[in-house]
Each structure stands twice: as C-alpha cells, then as structure tokens.
Amino acid sequence: TGDNSHKIATLRIAGLSGIYNSHHYSLGRFEMPPYNRGSLRSVYHIRHVDVQRLKALGSTESINHQKPDASTNVNRTIDIMVSHDWPRGIAHHGDTSQLLQ
C-alpha cells in the first residue's frame, strides 16, 4: 500500500495502492508487525498521508513546503497516475450476480 513513482523516458508514472476505508483514512500509518487480525486488514487501507505524498511528487516544492533554489528545481510533474481501486458503483454496470459468484 502507499505511493510510488517511476521515471520512464520522459514520463513520470505514479501509483497509489490501497482500499479506501473512511475509519482509517485520517489515522496515518500505525500498524506494526506482528499484526493482529484488525491491523492485518487495516494495513491495506489507503491513508490521507499516502495521498499527500503522491501530491508532493507532483510539485516542485519540497515536502516541507519550501521553494527549492534554482539549482535543485527539478520538474516532478506526474504525467500518469495509476490506481487499482474500483470506482464506486462500477459493479452495477455489468452482470452483478455473475461478478459476485
């Protein structure tokens, strides 16, 4: 889970992985091994901090919100963003009974 990016040729491709859960979204990353039954499930949930890290990748500002000087000003624009999560309600745009088998 979390965020990641790769530069391929001239493209920066970033990804965000995880399952949205409203109860865990604002909690940050608190799970530590050894995982119990609850933390084993919640470790896969996307967090606000993951989204903020991805947004920071698409910025020329540093993570502490200071403008870099001209020598370190690197274009970090995200060209392609990938996520594996299904859009809300997507299962209702096909054969739902077959999908749920």
Protein backbone atom coordinates (compact mmCIF):
# COMPACT_ATOMS: atom_id res chain seq x y z
CA THR A 1 0.00 0.00 0.00
CA GLY A 2 1.07 3.58 -0.34
CA ASP A 3 2.52 5.67 -3.11
CA ASN A 4 5.32 5.21 -5.60
CA SER A 5 6.64 6.75 -8.80
CA HIS A 6 8.99 5.86 -11.62
CA LYS A 7 10.52 7.89 -14.42
CA ILE A 8 10.37 6.09 -17.77
CA ALA A 9 11.94 8.05 -20.60
CA THR A 10 10.37 11.50 -20.17
CA LEU A 11 7.25 10.33 -18.31
CA ARG A 12 6.79 10.24 -14.55
CA ILE A 13 4.33 7.46 -13.67
CA ALA A 14 2.93 7.42 -10.13
CA GLY A 15 0.69 4.96 -8.39
CA LEU A 16 -1.49 4.84 -5.32
CA SER A 17 -2.46 1.48 -3.90
CA GLY A 18 -4.89 0.55 -1.17
CA ILE A 19 -8.53 0.21 -0.25
CA TYR A 20 -10.46 3.27 0.94
CA ASN A 21 -11.90 2.95 4.44
CA SER A 22 -13.38 6.09 6.00
CA HIS A 23 -12.48 4.94 9.54
CA HIS A 24 -8.77 4.57 8.77
CA TYR A 25 -8.24 7.31 6.14
CA SER A 26 -7.16 10.04 8.57
CA LEU A 27 -5.37 7.83 11.10
CA GLY A 28 -1.97 7.65 9.46
CA ARG A 29 0.18 4.54 9.41
CA PHE A 30 0.06 2.90 12.83
CA GLU A 31 0.27 -0.84 12.08
CA MET A 32 3.41 -2.65 13.17
CA PRO A 33 4.36 -6.32 12.99
CA PRO A 34 3.40 -8.68 14.43
CA TYR A 35 -0.03 -7.87 13.01
CA ASN A 36 -3.21 -8.82 14.81
CA ARG A 37 -6.45 -9.63 12.99
CA GLY A 38 -7.52 -5.96 12.80
CA SER A 39 -4.18 -4.46 11.79
CA LEU A 40 -3.66 -7.16 9.15
CA ARG A 41 -6.78 -5.84 7.41
CA SER A 42 -6.23 -2.13 8.04
CA VAL A 43 -2.64 -2.13 6.75
CA TYR A 44 -4.11 -2.39 3.22
CA HIS A 45 -6.27 0.74 3.62
CA ILE A 46 -5.29 3.96 1.83
CA ARG A 47 -4.44 6.90 4.11
CA HIS A 48 -4.52 10.65 3.75
CA VAL A 49 -0.75 10.67 4.24
CA ASP A 50 -0.39 8.44 1.13
CA VAL A 51 -2.40 10.93 -0.93
CA GLN A 52 -0.34 13.86 0.40
CA ARG A 53 2.91 12.07 -0.52
CA LEU A 54 1.60 11.50 -4.05
CA LYS A 55 0.60 15.16 -4.33
CA ALA A 56 4.09 16.18 -3.20
CA LEU A 57 5.55 14.14 -6.08
CA GLY A 58 3.65 16.35 -8.50
CA SER A 59 5.07 19.53 -7.07
CA THR A 60 8.31 21.44 -7.45
CA GLU A 61 8.06 22.37 -3.79
CA SER A 62 9.81 20.25 -1.22
CA ILE A 63 7.86 18.18 1.29
CA ASN A 64 8.32 20.89 3.95
CA HIS A 65 6.71 23.44 1.58
CA GLN A 66 9.86 25.47 0.95
CA LYS A 67 10.65 26.54 -2.60
CA PRO A 68 13.82 24.86 -3.86
CA ASP A 69 16.57 27.09 -5.23
CA ALA A 70 17.19 27.21 -8.99
CA SER A 71 19.91 24.53 -8.83
CA THR A 72 17.57 21.97 -7.25
CA ASN A 73 14.34 22.92 -9.02
CA VAL A 74 13.54 19.63 -10.73
CA ASN A 75 10.28 19.14 -12.59
CA ARG A 76 8.50 16.38 -10.71
CA THR A 77 5.18 16.63 -12.54
CA ILE A 78 3.21 13.39 -12.61
CA ASP A 79 2.25 12.53 -16.18
CA ILE A 80 0.30 9.32 -15.48
CA MET A 81 -1.39 8.29 -12.23
CA VAL A 82 -2.42 4.65 -11.74
CA SER A 83 -4.73 3.17 -9.11
CA HIS A 84 -6.17 -0.31 -8.84
CA ASP A 85 -9.21 0.62 -6.75
CA TRP A 86 -12.60 0.24 -8.41
CA PRO A 87 -14.74 3.37 -8.82
CA ARG A 88 -17.82 3.42 -6.58
CA GLY A 89 -20.75 1.58 -8.16
CA ILE A 90 -18.73 0.02 -11.00
CA ALA A 91 -20.12 -3.44 -10.17
CA HIS A 92 -23.60 -2.21 -11.13
CA HIS A 93 -22.53 -1.61 -14.75
CA GLY A 94 -22.32 -5.27 -15.70
CA ASP A 95 -23.61 -8.65 -14.61
CA THR A 96 -23.51 -8.12 -10.84
CA SER A 97 -24.79 -11.60 -9.96
CA GLN A 98 -22.05 -13.23 -12.03
CA LEU A 99 -19.41 -10.89 -10.59
CA LEU A 100 -20.35 -11.81 -7.00
CA GLN A 101 -20.14 -15.59 -7.54
